Structures are given as C-alpha cells and as structure tokens.
Amino acid sequence: MGKTETEIQTRVDLDIPWNIVVWDDPVNLMSYVVYVLEKVFSYNRSLATKLMLEVHNQGKSLVATEEREQAELHLQQLHSYGLQATLRRSE
C-alpha cells in the first residue's frame, strides 16, 4: 500500500533541517552559557565561547542545524538549563 500525500509531506517536514537559535538574556552569566553549550551539544570550549559571544554581542546565535526530532530534543535541553532558545525551519 502506498503512502498518502500527508504522510510523505510529514516525513519531508521532519527531514528539513531546523535551526536552533539561542537568544541573549539579562539573567545567565556568559560562563554559564558556555557551559550549557558544551554540555548539550558536546562542543569544545572554543566553539562554545564563540557562540556565546555571538549571543552576547549580536543578541542571538544560530547554535545548531539538525533534523527536527534532534533539534526539538536539544531545544528542550536548553530550556531546562534556563536558556532562551527557539527552533526555526532552515531555508
């Protein structure tokens, strides 16, 4: 039996890369943001610091691009650490 158009579209939507954006906030220390990025994404200190500085200086940073399911998991983890982050469909 073939897949319906809705099933195919749903699968395509899940496969499209999703961007995780972390936003600047007045609450979290810069060192804490570095720690969270290292913990959640297994980034090294240098990359985590670079991304944190983008958040601090530009107000936001694209920290990862992943398939939707993985992106949603990482987004939930960032929220659990108290960071402001959103998910956006990659273009």
N, C-alpha and C. Protein backbone atom coordinates (compact mmCIF):
# COMPACT_ATOMS: atom_id res chain seq x y z
N MET A 1 0.85 -1.18 0.00
CA MET A 1 0.00 0.00 0.00
C MET A 1 0.90 1.24 0.00
N GLY A 2 0.62 2.22 -0.83
CA GLY A 2 1.43 3.42 -0.96
C GLY A 2 1.16 4.42 0.15
N LYS A 3 2.09 5.32 0.31
CA LYS A 3 1.94 6.35 1.34
C LYS A 3 1.06 7.48 0.82
N THR A 4 0.29 8.07 1.72
CA THR A 4 -0.54 9.19 1.32
C THR A 4 0.33 10.44 1.20
N GLU A 5 -0.23 11.42 0.53
CA GLU A 5 0.49 12.68 0.37
C GLU A 5 0.79 13.33 1.72
N THR A 6 -0.13 13.21 2.67
CA THR A 6 0.08 13.77 4.01
C THR A 6 1.25 13.09 4.71
N GLU A 7 1.33 11.75 4.60
CA GLU A 7 2.44 11.02 5.22
C GLU A 7 3.78 11.42 4.60
N ILE A 8 3.77 11.57 3.30
CA ILE A 8 5.01 11.97 2.61
C ILE A 8 5.40 13.38 3.03
N GLN A 9 4.45 14.31 3.08
CA GLN A 9 4.73 15.69 3.47
C GLN A 9 5.22 15.75 4.91
N THR A 10 4.63 14.96 5.79
CA THR A 10 5.06 14.93 7.18
C THR A 10 6.51 14.48 7.27
N ARG A 11 6.87 13.45 6.53
CA ARG A 11 8.25 12.94 6.55
C ARG A 11 9.21 14.00 6.01
N VAL A 12 8.82 14.69 4.95
CA VAL A 12 9.66 15.76 4.39
C VAL A 12 9.84 16.86 5.43
N ASP A 13 8.76 17.25 6.12
CA ASP A 13 8.84 18.30 7.14
C ASP A 13 9.81 17.91 8.25
N LEU A 14 9.81 16.64 8.64
CA LEU A 14 10.71 16.19 9.69
C LEU A 14 12.16 16.18 9.24
N ASP A 15 12.39 15.91 7.97
CA ASP A 15 13.76 15.81 7.44
C ASP A 15 14.39 17.16 7.16
N ILE A 16 13.57 18.18 6.94
CA ILE A 16 14.12 19.51 6.64
C ILE A 16 14.95 19.95 7.83
N PRO A 17 16.15 20.44 7.59
CA PRO A 17 16.96 20.91 8.73
C PRO A 17 16.26 22.04 9.49
N TRP A 18 16.43 22.02 10.79
CA TRP A 18 15.87 23.04 11.68
C TRP A 18 17.01 23.73 12.41
N ASN A 19 16.91 25.04 12.52
CA ASN A 19 17.93 25.84 13.19
C ASN A 19 17.53 26.06 14.65
N ILE A 20 18.52 25.92 15.51
CA ILE A 20 18.32 26.24 16.93
C ILE A 20 19.02 27.58 17.18
N VAL A 21 18.24 28.55 17.62
CA VAL A 21 18.76 29.89 17.88
C VAL A 21 18.69 30.15 19.38
N VAL A 22 19.81 30.55 19.96
CA VAL A 22 19.86 30.95 21.37
C VAL A 22 19.84 32.47 21.41
N TRP A 23 19.02 33.01 22.29
CA TRP A 23 18.83 34.46 22.42
C TRP A 23 19.50 34.99 23.68
N ASP A 24 19.93 36.23 23.60
CA ASP A 24 20.55 36.90 24.75
C ASP A 24 19.49 37.15 25.82
N ASP A 25 19.91 37.07 27.05
CA ASP A 25 19.02 37.40 28.16
C ASP A 25 19.85 38.06 29.26
N PRO A 26 19.20 38.81 30.13
CA PRO A 26 19.93 39.52 31.18
C PRO A 26 20.20 38.66 32.42
N VAL A 27 19.86 37.38 32.38
CA VAL A 27 19.91 36.54 33.56
C VAL A 27 21.17 35.67 33.63
N ASN A 28 21.45 34.94 32.55
CA ASN A 28 22.51 33.94 32.59
C ASN A 28 23.90 34.54 32.37
N LEU A 29 24.84 34.09 33.17
CA LEU A 29 26.22 34.53 33.01
C LEU A 29 26.81 33.94 31.72
N MET A 30 27.75 34.66 31.14
CA MET A 30 28.38 34.19 29.91
C MET A 30 29.05 32.83 30.12
N SER A 31 29.70 32.65 31.25
CA SER A 31 30.37 31.37 31.53
C SER A 31 29.36 30.23 31.62
N TYR A 32 28.16 30.53 32.12
CA TYR A 32 27.12 29.52 32.22
C TYR A 32 26.62 29.11 30.83
N VAL A 33 26.46 30.09 29.94
CA VAL A 33 26.02 29.80 28.57
C VAL A 33 27.06 28.91 27.88
N VAL A 34 28.34 29.19 28.07
CA VAL A 34 29.40 28.35 27.50
C VAL A 34 29.26 26.93 28.05
N TYR A 35 29.08 26.81 29.35
CA TYR A 35 28.92 25.50 29.99
C TYR A 35 27.75 24.72 29.38
N VAL A 36 26.61 25.39 29.21
CA VAL A 36 25.42 24.72 28.67
C VAL A 36 25.66 24.26 27.23
N LEU A 37 26.27 25.09 26.42
CA LEU A 37 26.54 24.71 25.02
C LEU A 37 27.50 23.52 24.96
N GLU A 38 28.47 23.50 25.84
CA GLU A 38 29.39 22.35 25.91
C GLU A 38 28.63 21.09 26.31
N LYS A 39 27.75 21.21 27.28
CA LYS A 39 27.02 20.07 27.82
C LYS A 39 25.99 19.53 26.82
N VAL A 40 25.18 20.41 26.26
CA VAL A 40 24.08 19.99 25.40
C VAL A 40 24.58 19.48 24.04
N PHE A 41 25.54 20.20 23.44
CA PHE A 41 25.97 19.86 22.08
C PHE A 41 27.33 19.17 22.03
N SER A 42 27.96 18.98 23.17
CA SER A 42 29.32 18.42 23.23
C SER A 42 30.32 19.27 22.44
N TYR A 43 30.09 20.59 22.44
CA TYR A 43 31.01 21.50 21.77
C TYR A 43 32.25 21.68 22.63
N ASN A 44 33.39 21.94 21.97
CA ASN A 44 34.59 22.25 22.74
C ASN A 44 34.48 23.68 23.27
N ARG A 45 35.35 24.02 24.20
CA ARG A 45 35.29 25.34 24.86
C ARG A 45 35.39 26.47 23.86
N SER A 46 36.26 26.34 22.86
CA SER A 46 36.47 27.39 21.87
C SER A 46 35.20 27.68 21.08
N LEU A 47 34.54 26.65 20.56
CA LEU A 47 33.32 26.86 19.79
C LEU A 47 32.19 27.37 20.69
N ALA A 48 32.04 26.81 21.86
CA ALA A 48 31.00 27.26 22.79
C ALA A 48 31.19 28.73 23.15
N THR A 49 32.44 29.14 23.34
CA THR A 49 32.74 30.55 23.66
C THR A 49 32.41 31.45 22.48
N LYS A 50 32.76 31.03 21.27
CA LYS A 50 32.46 31.80 20.05
C LYS A 50 30.95 32.03 19.93
N LEU A 51 30.17 30.96 20.11
CA LEU A 51 28.71 31.07 20.01
C LEU A 51 28.13 31.93 21.11
N MET A 52 28.66 31.80 22.33
CA MET A 52 28.19 32.63 23.44
C MET A 52 28.45 34.11 23.15
N LEU A 53 29.62 34.41 22.57
CA LEU A 53 29.93 35.81 22.25
C LEU A 53 29.00 36.36 21.17
N GLU A 54 28.58 35.51 20.23
CA GLU A 54 27.59 35.94 19.24
C GLU A 54 26.27 36.27 19.94
N VAL A 55 25.87 35.42 20.86
CA VAL A 55 24.64 35.68 21.62
C VAL A 55 24.77 37.01 22.36
N HIS A 56 25.89 37.20 23.03
CA HIS A 56 26.11 38.40 23.84
C HIS A 56 26.19 39.67 22.99
N ASN A 57 26.93 39.61 21.90
CA ASN A 57 27.18 40.81 21.09
C ASN A 57 26.11 41.09 20.05
N GLN A 58 25.49 40.05 19.51
CA GLN A 58 24.51 40.23 18.43
C GLN A 58 23.07 39.97 18.88
N GLY A 59 22.92 39.51 20.12
CA GLY A 59 21.58 39.26 20.64
C GLY A 59 21.05 37.87 20.38
N LYS A 60 21.73 37.13 19.51
CA LYS A 60 21.31 35.76 19.20
C LYS A 60 22.44 35.04 18.48
N SER A 61 22.32 33.72 18.44
CA SER A 61 23.29 32.92 17.70
C SER A 61 22.63 31.64 17.21
N LEU A 62 22.90 31.29 15.97
CA LEU A 62 22.49 30.01 15.43
C LEU A 62 23.48 28.98 15.95
N VAL A 63 23.05 28.14 16.88
CA VAL A 63 23.99 27.24 17.55
C VAL A 63 24.01 25.83 16.95
N ALA A 64 22.97 25.46 16.18
CA ALA A 64 22.96 24.13 15.56
C ALA A 64 21.90 24.08 14.47
N THR A 65 22.11 23.21 13.49
CA THR A 65 21.13 22.90 12.46
C THR A 65 21.03 21.39 12.39
N GLU A 66 19.82 20.89 12.64
CA GLU A 66 19.63 19.44 12.78
C GLU A 66 18.26 19.04 12.24
N GLU A 67 18.06 17.71 12.11
CA GLU A 67 16.72 17.22 11.80
C GLU A 67 15.80 17.57 12.95
N ARG A 68 14.53 17.67 12.66
CA ARG A 68 13.57 18.21 13.62
C ARG A 68 13.57 17.49 14.97
N GLU A 69 13.54 16.17 14.94
CA GLU A 69 13.44 15.43 16.21
C GLU A 69 14.63 15.73 17.13
N GLN A 70 15.84 15.72 16.58
CA GLN A 70 17.04 16.01 17.37
C GLN A 70 17.03 17.48 17.83
N ALA A 71 16.60 18.37 16.94
CA ALA A 71 16.54 19.79 17.27
C ALA A 71 15.56 20.04 18.42
N GLU A 72 14.42 19.36 18.39
CA GLU A 72 13.43 19.53 19.47
C GLU A 72 14.00 19.03 20.80
N LEU A 73 14.74 17.93 20.76
CA LEU A 73 15.36 17.42 21.99
C LEU A 73 16.36 18.43 22.54
N HIS A 74 17.23 18.96 21.68
CA HIS A 74 18.21 19.94 22.13
C HIS A 74 17.54 21.22 22.63
N LEU A 75 16.47 21.63 21.96
CA LEU A 75 15.74 22.82 22.40
C LEU A 75 15.19 22.62 23.81
N GLN A 76 14.62 21.45 24.05
CA GLN A 76 14.10 21.13 25.38
C GLN A 76 15.22 21.16 26.43
N GLN A 77 16.38 20.63 26.07
CA GLN A 77 17.51 20.63 27.00
C GLN A 77 17.96 22.06 27.30
N LEU A 78 18.05 22.90 26.28
CA LEU A 78 18.44 24.30 26.50
C LEU A 78 17.45 24.99 27.44
N HIS A 79 16.17 24.75 27.22
CA HIS A 79 15.15 25.34 28.09
C HIS A 79 15.29 24.84 29.52
N SER A 80 15.62 23.55 29.68
CA SER A 80 15.77 23.01 31.03
C SER A 80 16.93 23.66 31.78
N TYR A 81 17.91 24.17 31.04
CA TYR A 81 19.03 24.89 31.65
C TYR A 81 18.72 26.39 31.82
N GLY A 82 17.54 26.80 31.39
CA GLY A 82 17.13 28.19 31.58
C GLY A 82 17.55 29.14 30.47
N LEU A 83 18.00 28.61 29.33
CA LEU A 83 18.36 29.49 28.21
C LEU A 83 17.13 29.75 27.33
N GLN A 84 17.10 30.95 26.77
CA GLN A 84 16.04 31.29 25.82
C GLN A 84 16.50 30.84 24.45
N ALA A 85 15.73 29.94 23.85
CA ALA A 85 16.10 29.40 22.54
C ALA A 85 14.83 29.11 21.76
N THR A 86 14.95 29.17 20.44
CA THR A 86 13.81 28.88 19.56
C THR A 86 14.27 27.98 18.43
N LEU A 87 13.29 27.38 17.78
CA LEU A 87 13.52 26.50 16.67
C LEU A 87 12.95 27.15 15.43
N ARG A 88 13.73 27.16 14.34
CA ARG A 88 13.27 27.75 13.09
C ARG A 88 13.62 26.83 11.95
N ARG A 89 12.71 26.72 11.01
CA ARG A 89 12.95 25.91 9.82
C ARG A 89 14.10 26.53 9.02
N SER A 90 15.03 25.70 8.63
CA SER A 90 16.16 26.16 7.83
C SER A 90 15.66 26.47 6.42
N GLU A 91 16.22 27.49 5.83
CA GLU A 91 15.78 27.85 4.47
C GLU A 91 16.77 27.42 3.44
